[in-house]
Amino acid sequence: MIDIIKAEKAFKEYLSNYDINDDKIKLKLTHTYGVVNASEYLSKKLNLSKEDTDVSRLIALLHDIGRFEQTKGNNDIYDKADIELFDHAIYGTKILFEDNLIRNFIEDKSYDNIIYKAILNHNRLKVQEGLNEKELLHAKLIRDSDKTDNFRVKLTEDFKVLLGTDDIEYISGEIISEKIYNDFMSQKLIKTSDNVTCLDRWTGYIAFIFDYNFKESLEYLKENDLVNKVFDRIKYTNPDTIKKINNMRNLAEQYINTKINVI
C-alpha cells in the first residue's frame, strides 16, 4: 500500500535540509512537482489502476532526489559534467535504497524494485534490458513525464540556466553542428557529450520527442504546441541555422503526427 500523503510530507521534511529560496533548489522543486502532475495526467489518460497511479506519482516525486545533493557541488545542472561527474539517478537510488531513505516515503517493500529501476533508468539514453512488465511500464512512465515537464522548463527558465549564457544575441547567431543536426534528422536522441554549441544543446532538448513511449504524451505536446514554442523561443539569425531549424521543425511535426496515429 502507498500512502501518497505521507510520502509528500516526508519529501517536504527532506527538503528542510535545503534552502528552498535558492534559485537552483526552486528550479528542481518546481520541476519535481511538474513531473508529478505530468505523471498524474498520463496515468489518467492510460486508465491505470489506482495502485499504478500511486506508484507513478511516488516515483515522480522521488525521481530527481539526487539533484538536490548535486546543488552542493555542480552549479551548471545541464552541463555534460552532470553525467560524466555526477549521475543524479545513480546517486538518487543510492541514498534511497543503500542509505534506506526510501522507508521514510513508503513502508511497503514490495514496490522497491519498481521504484529503484524506474529512477535508475529515467535519465539514461535508453532503458536497460531485462526489466519485467511492471518495471518497464513505470520506467517508461517516468521517462515520458520527465520529458514532458522539461518542455515547460525550456519555455520558462532563463537561458543562463539552460544554456550557460544569457547572451541571446550570441545564442541566436550560433550554428548547429552537423553531427547534432544529422542525429536529429535521423530521429536520434542527442548525446550530451557531442554538444559543441548552445544550439546543439537546444536541439538535444527538442530531440526528447524521439524517446516518448506513449502517444498520449505526444498528444499533450501537440495539443499545447510545445515543440514549436521551444523552437520559437530563440530568434535564429544564422542562415544555415534557420534552414536546419525549418527542416527539424517539419520533421518533428511529421514524426509526432505519425506516432500519434501509429503507437
C-alpha atoms as a PDB file:
ATOM      1  CA  MET A   1       0.000   0.000   0.000  1.00  0.00           C
ATOM      2  CA  ILE A   2       1.211   3.500  -0.847  1.00  0.00           C
ATOM      3  CA  ASP A   3       0.307   6.462   1.350  1.00  0.00           C
ATOM      4  CA  ILE A   4       0.918   9.394  -1.002  1.00  0.00           C
ATOM      5  CA  ILE A   5       0.066  11.993   1.627  1.00  0.00           C
ATOM      6  CA  LYS A   6       2.690  10.502   3.936  1.00  0.00           C
ATOM      7  CA  ALA A   7       5.213  10.378   1.091  1.00  0.00           C
ATOM      8  CA  GLU A   8       4.654  14.031   0.203  1.00  0.00           C
ATOM      9  CA  LYS A   9       5.024  15.031   3.837  1.00  0.00           C
ATOM     10  CA  ALA A  10       8.290  13.078   4.061  1.00  0.00           C
ATOM     11  CA  PHE A  11       9.508  14.797   0.899  1.00  0.00           C
ATOM     12  CA  LYS A  12       8.867  18.207   2.440  1.00  0.00           C
ATOM     13  CA  GLU A  13      10.773  17.112   5.530  1.00  0.00           C
ATOM     14  CA  TYR A  14      13.678  16.043   3.319  1.00  0.00           C
ATOM     15  CA  LEU A  15      13.647  19.486   1.687  1.00  0.00           C
ATOM     16  CA  SER A  16      14.074  21.115   5.095  1.00  0.00           C
ATOM     17  CA  ASN A  17      17.772  20.331   4.653  1.00  0.00           C
ATOM     18  CA  TYR A  18      17.910  22.792   1.756  1.00  0.00           C
ATOM     19  CA  ASP A  19      17.231  26.475   1.182  1.00  0.00           C
ATOM     20  CA  ILE A  20      14.037  26.367  -0.881  1.00  0.00           C
ATOM     21  CA  ASN A  21      14.527  30.060  -1.700  1.00  0.00           C
ATOM     22  CA  ASP A  22      17.738  29.236  -3.550  1.00  0.00           C
ATOM     23  CA  ASP A  23      17.149  29.525  -7.314  1.00  0.00           C
ATOM     24  CA  LYS A  24      18.719  26.132  -8.031  1.00  0.00           C
ATOM     25  CA  ILE A  25      16.529  24.435  -5.457  1.00  0.00           C
ATOM     26  CA  LYS A  26      13.448  26.258  -6.714  1.00  0.00           C
ATOM     27  CA  LEU A  27      14.122  25.006 -10.240  1.00  0.00           C
ATOM     28  CA  LYS A  28      14.431  21.400  -9.101  1.00  0.00           C
ATOM     29  CA  LEU A  29      11.427  21.631  -6.820  1.00  0.00           C
ATOM     30  CA  THR A  30       9.198  23.167  -9.490  1.00  0.00           C
ATOM     31  CA  HIS A  31      10.335  20.516 -11.945  1.00  0.00           C
ATOM     32  CA  THR A  32       9.674  17.715  -9.455  1.00  0.00           C
ATOM     33  CA  TYR A  33       6.066  18.782  -8.941  1.00  0.00           C
ATOM     34  CA  GLY A  34       5.724  19.366 -12.680  1.00  0.00           C
ATOM     35  CA  VAL A  35       6.707  15.757 -13.279  1.00  0.00           C
ATOM     36  CA  VAL A  36       4.256  14.639 -10.597  1.00  0.00           C
ATOM     37  CA  ASN A  37       1.489  16.485 -12.446  1.00  0.00           C
ATOM     38  CA  ALA A  38       2.584  15.017 -15.780  1.00  0.00           C
ATOM     39  CA  SER A  39       2.555  11.514 -14.304  1.00  0.00           C
ATOM     40  CA  GLU A  40      -0.964  12.021 -12.986  1.00  0.00           C
ATOM     41  CA  TYR A  41      -2.113  13.264 -16.379  1.00  0.00           C
ATOM     42  CA  LEU A  42      -0.540  10.318 -18.195  1.00  0.00           C
ATOM     43  CA  SER A  43      -1.831   7.779 -15.673  1.00  0.00           C
ATOM     44  CA  LYS A  44      -5.359   9.095 -16.157  1.00  0.00           C
ATOM     45  CA  LYS A  45      -5.058   9.065 -19.946  1.00  0.00           C
ATOM     46  CA  LEU A  46      -3.815   5.463 -19.833  1.00  0.00           C
ATOM     47  CA  ASN A  47      -6.601   4.439 -17.434  1.00  0.00           C
ATOM     48  CA  LEU A  48      -4.101   2.966 -14.992  1.00  0.00           C
ATOM     49  CA  SER A  49      -5.213   1.373 -11.751  1.00  0.00           C
ATOM     50  CA  LYS A  50      -5.070   3.390  -8.543  1.00  0.00           C
ATOM     51  CA  GLU A  51      -2.106   1.289  -7.462  1.00  0.00           C
ATOM     52  CA  ASP A  52      -0.097   2.044 -10.606  1.00  0.00           C
ATOM     53  CA  THR A  53      -1.146   5.685 -10.466  1.00  0.00           C
ATOM     54  CA  ASP A  54       0.121   5.946  -6.890  1.00  0.00           C
ATOM     55  CA  VAL A  55       3.375   4.167  -7.746  1.00  0.00           C
ATOM     56  CA  SER A  56       3.864   6.501 -10.699  1.00  0.00           C
ATOM     57  CA  ARG A  57       3.231   9.550  -8.525  1.00  0.00           C
ATOM     58  CA  LEU A  58       5.702   8.374  -5.878  1.00  0.00           C
ATOM     59  CA  ILE A  59       8.378   7.700  -8.492  1.00  0.00           C
ATOM     60  CA  ALA A  60       7.811  11.156  -9.960  1.00  0.00           C
ATOM     61  CA  LEU A  61       8.156  12.706  -6.503  1.00  0.00           C
ATOM     62  CA  LEU A  62      11.481  10.934  -5.893  1.00  0.00           C
ATOM     63  CA  HIS A  63      12.952  10.680  -9.392  1.00  0.00           C
ATOM     64  CA  ASP A  64      15.260  13.693  -9.036  1.00  0.00           C
ATOM     65  CA  ILE A  65      16.090  13.415  -5.356  1.00  0.00           C
ATOM     66  CA  GLY A  66      19.737  13.075  -6.344  1.00  0.00           C
ATOM     67  CA  ARG A  67      19.548  16.502  -8.000  1.00  0.00           C
ATOM     68  CA  PHE A  68      19.215  18.231  -4.666  1.00  0.00           C
ATOM     69  CA  GLU A  69      22.507  16.769  -3.482  1.00  0.00           C
ATOM     70  CA  GLN A  70      24.022  17.885  -6.770  1.00  0.00           C
ATOM     71  CA  THR A  71      23.488  21.541  -5.854  1.00  0.00           C
ATOM     72  CA  LYS A  72      26.233  21.200  -3.266  1.00  0.00           C
ATOM     73  CA  GLY A  73      28.881  20.740  -5.927  1.00  0.00           C
ATOM     74  CA  ASN A  74      27.910  21.474  -9.530  1.00  0.00           C
ATOM     75  CA  ASN A  75      26.294  24.792 -10.409  1.00  0.00           C
ATOM     76  CA  ASP A  76      25.641  24.046 -14.082  1.00  0.00           C
ATOM     77  CA  ILE A  77      22.894  21.477 -13.786  1.00  0.00           C
ATOM     78  CA  TYR A  78      22.721  20.849 -17.520  1.00  0.00           C
ATOM     79  CA  ASP A  79      26.439  20.654 -18.191  1.00  0.00           C
ATOM     80  CA  LYS A  80      27.903  17.444 -19.593  1.00  0.00           C
ATOM     81  CA  ALA A  81      29.647  17.109 -16.237  1.00  0.00           C
ATOM     82  CA  ASP A  82      26.211  16.232 -14.905  1.00  0.00           C
ATOM     83  CA  ILE A  83      26.557  12.765 -16.380  1.00  0.00           C
ATOM     84  CA  GLU A  84      30.324  12.409 -16.504  1.00  0.00           C
ATOM     85  CA  LEU A  85      30.969  13.524 -12.925  1.00  0.00           C
ATOM     86  CA  PHE A  86      27.636  13.156 -11.166  1.00  0.00           C
ATOM     87  CA  ASP A  87      24.817  10.920 -12.337  1.00  0.00           C
ATOM     88  CA  HIS A  88      21.880  12.101 -10.248  1.00  0.00           C
ATOM     89  CA  ALA A  89      19.841   8.957 -10.988  1.00  0.00           C
ATOM     90  CA  ILE A  90      22.538   6.669  -9.626  1.00  0.00           C
ATOM     91  CA  TYR A  91      23.012   8.892  -6.601  1.00  0.00           C
ATOM     92  CA  GLY A  92      19.272   9.075  -6.056  1.00  0.00           C
ATOM     93  CA  THR A  93      18.945   5.291  -5.924  1.00  0.00           C
ATOM     94  CA  LYS A  94      21.922   5.137  -3.587  1.00  0.00           C
ATOM     95  CA  ILE A  95      20.535   7.462  -0.959  1.00  0.00           C
ATOM     96  CA  LEU A  96      17.072   5.940  -1.272  1.00  0.00           C
ATOM     97  CA  PHE A  97      17.997   2.270  -1.126  1.00  0.00           C
ATOM     98  CA  GLU A  98      21.551   1.926   0.187  1.00  0.00           C
ATOM     99  CA  ASP A  99      21.028   4.586   2.839  1.00  0.00           C
ATOM    100  CA  ASN A 100      17.443   3.337   3.344  1.00  0.00           C
ATOM    101  CA  LEU A 101      15.863   6.769   2.893  1.00  0.00           C
ATOM    102  CA  ILE A 102      13.074   5.104   0.908  1.00  0.00           C
ATOM    103  CA  ARG A 103      11.444   3.885   4.133  1.00  0.00           C
ATOM    104  CA  ASN A 104      10.658   7.500   5.006  1.00  0.00           C
ATOM    105  CA  PHE A 105       8.370   7.599   1.979  1.00  0.00           C
ATOM    106  CA  ILE A 106       6.882   4.119   1.854  1.00  0.00           C
ATOM    107  CA  GLU A 107       6.884   1.264   4.369  1.00  0.00           C
ATOM    108  CA  ASP A 108       5.853  -1.464   1.935  1.00  0.00           C
ATOM    109  CA  LYS A 109       8.991  -3.041   0.438  1.00  0.00           C
ATOM    110  CA  SER A 110       7.133  -4.845  -2.347  1.00  0.00           C
ATOM    111  CA  TYR A 111       7.432  -1.812  -4.651  1.00  0.00           C
ATOM    112  CA  ASP A 112      11.159  -1.298  -4.121  1.00  0.00           C
ATOM    113  CA  ASN A 113      12.361  -2.923  -7.345  1.00  0.00           C
ATOM    114  CA  ILE A 114       9.893  -0.955  -9.446  1.00  0.00           C
ATOM    115  CA  ILE A 115      10.833   2.345  -7.828  1.00  0.00           C
ATOM    116  CA  TYR A 116      14.561   1.602  -7.943  1.00  0.00           C
ATOM    117  CA  LYS A 117      14.657   0.627 -11.609  1.00  0.00           C
ATOM    118  CA  ALA A 118      12.376   3.442 -12.728  1.00  0.00           C
ATOM    119  CA  ILE A 119      14.519   6.096 -11.062  1.00  0.00           C
ATOM    120  CA  LEU A 120      17.765   4.466 -12.194  1.00  0.00           C
ATOM    121  CA  ASN A 121      16.601   4.452 -15.820  1.00  0.00           C
ATOM    122  CA  HIS A 122      14.823   7.794 -16.005  1.00  0.00           C
ATOM    123  CA  ASN A 123      17.786   9.748 -17.408  1.00  0.00           C
ATOM    124  CA  ARG A 124      19.550   7.062 -19.443  1.00  0.00           C
ATOM    125  CA  LEU A 125      19.823   7.243 -23.203  1.00  0.00           C
ATOM    126  CA  LYS A 126      17.767   4.055 -23.294  1.00  0.00           C
ATOM    127  CA  VAL A 127      16.091   1.801 -20.757  1.00  0.00           C
ATOM    128  CA  GLN A 128      18.172  -1.165 -19.634  1.00  0.00           C
ATOM    129  CA  GLU A 129      17.163  -4.609 -20.846  1.00  0.00           C
ATOM    130  CA  GLY A 130      15.727  -7.304 -18.599  1.00  0.00           C
ATOM    131  CA  LEU A 131      13.016  -5.317 -16.816  1.00  0.00           C
ATOM    132  CA  ASN A 132       9.774  -7.136 -16.113  1.00  0.00           C
ATOM    133  CA  GLU A 133       6.448  -5.809 -17.397  1.00  0.00           C
ATOM    134  CA  LYS A 134       5.642  -3.672 -14.361  1.00  0.00           C
ATOM    135  CA  GLU A 135       9.187  -2.298 -14.044  1.00  0.00           C
ATOM    136  CA  LEU A 136       9.222  -1.396 -17.727  1.00  0.00           C
ATOM    137  CA  LEU A 137       5.835   0.312 -17.501  1.00  0.00           C
ATOM    138  CA  HIS A 138       6.974   2.611 -14.729  1.00  0.00           C
ATOM    139  CA  ALA A 139      10.361   3.261 -16.328  1.00  0.00           C
ATOM    140  CA  LYS A 140       8.504   4.420 -19.445  1.00  0.00           C
ATOM    141  CA  LEU A 141       6.014   6.457 -17.428  1.00  0.00           C
ATOM    142  CA  ILE A 142       8.677   8.445 -15.571  1.00  0.00           C
ATOM    143  CA  ARG A 143      10.714   8.996 -18.738  1.00  0.00           C
ATOM    144  CA  ASP A 144       7.694  10.445 -20.551  1.00  0.00           C
ATOM    145  CA  SER A 145       6.584  12.517 -17.564  1.00  0.00           C
ATOM    146  CA  ASP A 146      10.093  13.883 -17.023  1.00  0.00           C
ATOM    147  CA  LYS A 147      10.498  14.877 -20.668  1.00  0.00           C
ATOM    148  CA  THR A 148       7.066  16.463 -20.803  1.00  0.00           C
ATOM    149  CA  ASP A 149       7.812  18.816 -17.927  1.00  0.00           C
ATOM    150  CA  ASN A 150      11.220  19.518 -19.421  1.00  0.00           C
ATOM    151  CA  PHE A 151       9.470  21.197 -22.338  1.00  0.00           C
ATOM    152  CA  ARG A 152       7.838  23.534 -19.815  1.00  0.00           C
ATOM    153  CA  VAL A 153      11.243  24.151 -18.251  1.00  0.00           C
ATOM    154  CA  LYS A 154      12.699  25.168 -21.619  1.00  0.00           C
ATOM    155  CA  LEU A 155       9.985  27.784 -22.020  1.00  0.00           C
ATOM    156  CA  THR A 156      10.143  29.286 -18.542  1.00  0.00           C
ATOM    157  CA  GLU A 157      13.720  29.181 -17.264  1.00  0.00           C
ATOM    158  CA  ASP A 158      16.479  31.686 -18.003  1.00  0.00           C
ATOM    159  CA  PHE A 159      18.876  30.922 -20.817  1.00  0.00           C
ATOM    160  CA  LYS A 160      21.710  31.292 -18.309  1.00  0.00           C
ATOM    161  CA  VAL A 161      20.363  28.246 -16.508  1.00  0.00           C
ATOM    162  CA  LEU A 162      19.540  26.282 -19.648  1.00  0.00           C
ATOM    163  CA  LEU A 163      22.498  27.106 -21.896  1.00  0.00           C
ATOM    164  CA  GLY A 164      25.130  28.606 -19.642  1.00  0.00           C
ATOM    165  CA  THR A 165      24.805  32.133 -21.053  1.00  0.00           C
ATOM    166  CA  ASP A 166      22.104  34.769 -21.266  1.00  0.00           C
ATOM    167  CA  ASP A 167      23.715  36.479 -24.273  1.00  0.00           C
ATOM    168  CA  ILE A 168      20.740  35.952 -26.561  1.00  0.00           C
ATOM    169  CA  GLU A 169      22.433  37.715 -29.489  1.00  0.00           C
ATOM    170  CA  TYR A 170      25.296  35.241 -29.281  1.00  0.00           C
ATOM    171  CA  ILE A 171      22.938  32.260 -28.981  1.00  0.00           C
ATOM    172  CA  SER A 172      20.781  33.425 -31.882  1.00  0.00           C
ATOM    173  CA  GLY A 173      23.778  33.683 -34.211  1.00  0.00           C
ATOM    174  CA  GLU A 174      25.216  30.266 -33.440  1.00  0.00           C
ATOM    175  CA  ILE A 175      25.286  27.226 -35.706  1.00  0.00           C
ATOM    176  CA  ILE A 176      24.014  23.715 -35.161  1.00  0.00           C
ATOM    177  CA  SER A 177      26.829  21.205 -35.579  1.00  0.00           C
ATOM    178  CA  GLU A 178      26.469  18.782 -38.497  1.00  0.00           C
ATOM    179  CA  LYS A 179      26.546  15.704 -36.262  1.00  0.00           C
ATOM    180  CA  ILE A 180      23.836  17.084 -34.000  1.00  0.00           C
ATOM    181  CA  TYR A 181      21.696  18.057 -36.981  1.00  0.00           C
ATOM    182  CA  ASN A 182      22.184  14.679 -38.651  1.00  0.00           C
ATOM    183  CA  ASP A 183      21.343  12.825 -35.445  1.00  0.00           C
ATOM    184  CA  PHE A 184      18.147  14.838 -35.076  1.00  0.00           C
ATOM    185  CA  MET A 185      17.139  14.240 -38.672  1.00  0.00           C
ATOM    186  CA  SER A 186      17.820  10.529 -38.092  1.00  0.00           C
ATOM    187  CA  GLN A 187      15.367  10.697 -35.173  1.00  0.00           C
ATOM    188  CA  LYS A 188      18.033  10.002 -32.568  1.00  0.00           C
ATOM    189  CA  LEU A 189      18.495  11.313 -29.055  1.00  0.00           C
ATOM    190  CA  ILE A 190      21.419  13.709 -28.780  1.00  0.00           C
ATOM    191  CA  LYS A 191      24.340  12.668 -26.616  1.00  0.00           C
ATOM    192  CA  THR A 192      25.285  15.471 -24.244  1.00  0.00           C
ATOM    193  CA  SER A 193      28.969  14.767 -24.849  1.00  0.00           C
ATOM    194  CA  ASP A 194      28.515  15.542 -28.576  1.00  0.00           C
ATOM    195  CA  ASN A 195      27.310  19.095 -27.991  1.00  0.00           C
ATOM    196  CA  VAL A 196      29.628  21.863 -29.167  1.00  0.00           C
ATOM    197  CA  THR A 197      27.384  24.934 -29.319  1.00  0.00           C
ATOM    198  CA  CYS A 198      24.494  26.238 -27.250  1.00  0.00           C
ATOM    199  CA  LEU A 199      22.150  25.482 -30.132  1.00  0.00           C
ATOM    200  CA  ASP A 200      23.420  21.903 -30.164  1.00  0.00           C
ATOM    201  CA  ARG A 201      22.201  21.619 -26.593  1.00  0.00           C
ATOM    202  CA  TRP A 202      18.900  23.291 -27.509  1.00  0.00           C
ATOM    203  CA  THR A 203      18.465  20.797 -30.359  1.00  0.00           C
ATOM    204  CA  GLY A 204      19.082  17.985 -27.901  1.00  0.00           C
ATOM    205  CA  TYR A 205      16.241  19.194 -25.706  1.00  0.00           C
ATOM    206  CA  ILE A 206      13.781  19.086 -28.601  1.00  0.00           C
ATOM    207  CA  ALA A 207      15.070  15.654 -29.661  1.00  0.00           C
ATOM    208  CA  PHE A 208      13.442  14.299 -26.499  1.00  0.00           C
ATOM    209  CA  ILE A 209      10.389  13.682 -28.693  1.00  0.00           C
ATOM    210  CA  PHE A 210      12.142  10.682 -30.236  1.00  0.00           C
ATOM    211  CA  ASP A 211      12.153   8.880 -26.886  1.00  0.00           C
ATOM    212  CA  TYR A 212       8.484   9.145 -25.957  1.00  0.00           C
ATOM    213  CA  ASN A 213       6.777   5.850 -25.188  1.00  0.00           C
ATOM    214  CA  PHE A 214       3.075   6.738 -25.174  1.00  0.00           C
ATOM    215  CA  LYS A 215       1.063   8.500 -27.856  1.00  0.00           C
ATOM    216  CA  GLU A 216      -0.858  10.242 -25.075  1.00  0.00           C
ATOM    217  CA  SER A 217       2.345  12.071 -24.125  1.00  0.00           C
ATOM    218  CA  LEU A 218       2.926  13.188 -27.701  1.00  0.00           C
ATOM    219  CA  GLU A 219      -0.697  14.250 -27.974  1.00  0.00           C
ATOM    220  CA  TYR A 220      -0.134  16.527 -24.990  1.00  0.00           C
ATOM    221  CA  LEU A 221       2.859  18.118 -26.733  1.00  0.00           C
ATOM    222  CA  LYS A 222       0.822  18.611 -29.892  1.00  0.00           C
ATOM    223  CA  GLU A 223      -2.270  19.975 -28.159  1.00  0.00           C
ATOM    224  CA  ASN A 224      -0.153  22.558 -26.315  1.00  0.00           C
ATOM    225  CA  ASP A 225       2.122  23.256 -29.311  1.00  0.00           C
ATOM    226  CA  LEU A 226       5.121  22.821 -27.013  1.00  0.00           C
ATOM    227  CA  VAL A 227       7.633  21.742 -29.661  1.00  0.00           C
ATOM    228  CA  ASN A 228       7.016  24.787 -31.847  1.00  0.00           C
ATOM    229  CA  LYS A 229       7.077  27.048 -28.805  1.00  0.00           C
ATOM    230  CA  VAL A 230      10.516  25.729 -27.832  1.00  0.00           C
ATOM    231  CA  PHE A 231      11.765  26.098 -31.403  1.00  0.00           C
ATOM    232  CA  ASP A 232      10.447  29.672 -31.476  1.00  0.00           C
ATOM    233  CA  ARG A 233      11.848  30.822 -28.150  1.00  0.00           C
ATOM    234  CA  ILE A 234      15.111  31.648 -29.940  1.00  0.00           C
ATOM    235  CA  LYS A 235      15.131  34.025 -32.928  1.00  0.00           C
ATOM    236  CA  TYR A 236      17.791  32.454 -35.135  1.00  0.00           C
ATOM    237  CA  THR A 237      19.893  34.754 -37.320  1.00  0.00           C
ATOM    238  CA  ASN A 238      22.405  32.430 -38.983  1.00  0.00           C
ATOM    239  CA  PRO A 239      21.084  31.452 -42.478  1.00  0.00           C
ATOM    240  CA  ASP A 240      22.342  27.860 -42.205  1.00  0.00           C
ATOM    241  CA  THR A 241      20.776  27.525 -38.763  1.00  0.00           C
ATOM    242  CA  ILE A 242      17.436  28.906 -39.995  1.00  0.00           C
ATOM    243  CA  LYS A 243      17.402  26.303 -42.778  1.00  0.00           C
ATOM    244  CA  LYS A 244      18.213  23.489 -40.339  1.00  0.00           C
ATOM    245  CA  ILE A 245      15.587  24.659 -37.847  1.00  0.00           C
ATOM    246  CA  ASN A 246      12.908  24.660 -40.543  1.00  0.00           C
ATOM    247  CA  ASN A 247      13.870  21.123 -41.558  1.00  0.00           C
ATOM    248  CA  MET A 248      13.887  19.918 -37.967  1.00  0.00           C
ATOM    249  CA  ARG A 249      10.570  21.591 -37.236  1.00  0.00           C
ATOM    250  CA  ASN A 250       8.934  19.882 -40.218  1.00  0.00           C
ATOM    251  CA  LEU A 251      10.407  16.517 -39.242  1.00  0.00           C
ATOM    252  CA  ALA A 252       9.264  16.923 -35.636  1.00  0.00           C
ATOM    253  CA  GLU A 253       5.695  17.696 -36.713  1.00  0.00           C
ATOM    254  CA  GLN A 254       5.623  14.755 -39.115  1.00  0.00           C
ATOM    255  CA  TYR A 255       7.139  12.424 -36.510  1.00  0.00           C
ATOM    256  CA  ILE A 256       4.621  13.353 -33.819  1.00  0.00           C
ATOM    257  CA  ASN A 257       1.658  13.061 -36.163  1.00  0.00           C
ATOM    258  CA  THR A 258       2.832   9.651 -37.337  1.00  0.00           C
ATOM    259  CA  LYS A 259       3.442   8.340 -33.830  1.00  0.00           C
ATOM    260  CA  ILE A 260       0.091   9.559 -32.566  1.00  0.00           C
ATOM    261  CA  ASN A 261      -1.625   7.587 -35.303  1.00  0.00           C
ATOM    262  CA  VAL A 262       0.573   4.505 -35.039  1.00  0.00           C
ATOM    263  CA  ILE A 263       1.546   3.895 -31.415  1.00  0.00           C
END
